[in-house]
């Protein structure tokens, strides 16, 4: 059997056993994950500083050209790349609580006067996707004082956009600034190739790849502050950013 490499940003006990029992298999993971499991992993697990990037310029230019106007509007404000429900190393769903959503503006030092774009990940409302009132509650929690904030603009995936604009929800979301989100690779093209990152880019750490995909300084934040792996990953990213030349060199290698 040929030698095979797998990249995983989270490794479970089953994967560790699989690697131990198959010496022709190499597992590539992040340094934070390897350090977290250093007592149990085998020698054929190697690590890299950040997750492997998914951004490809050649596959992103058209997405940018087709959505140029909305992308420029989105990036004209400070931008929150908001994740949500995710799976941990035990393959368990980690649901972000209402109080964790509510703490985001405070954690990011945002007030109702700040002009903010929020890119909503398909996972963000996955656990309440059939509960419009709960979705509305979370949208309000993302504002500093829990009241409708005209300066906050939400860019949502199509399935959520259709729900928010459904006839049966008529009027429920009136007053919110909600738009259909442009393709994410188009947003990355504008940031990476056109240097449209004058405004701060806030990224929740559950979106591991974004820290390698976005080539300007990212301000990471934790949705779940008890997640040890994500804490270590964020610390690693921040330590790399202390030396921008190191970061640029790494991104050039993995691009």
Foldseek 3Di string as FASTA:
>chain_A
DAQEEDEDQAAAPVNQVVCVVDVSYAYEYAPLRCVVCVVRHDPRYYYDHFGFADADLVVQQVLQVVCVVVLLVQLVFAEEADEAWDAHRVRDTDGQDLVLLLCVCVVVVHALPGQYEYEYDPHHCVVCLVPVVVVLQSVLSNHNPSDQRLRYAYAYAPSSVCVCPPPVNPPVCPSHRYHHHGPVSSSLCCCPVVVSNPHAYEYELVPRNVLLSGLDDHHYDHSDVVPSSSVSSVVSSVVCVVPSVSSVVSSVVSD
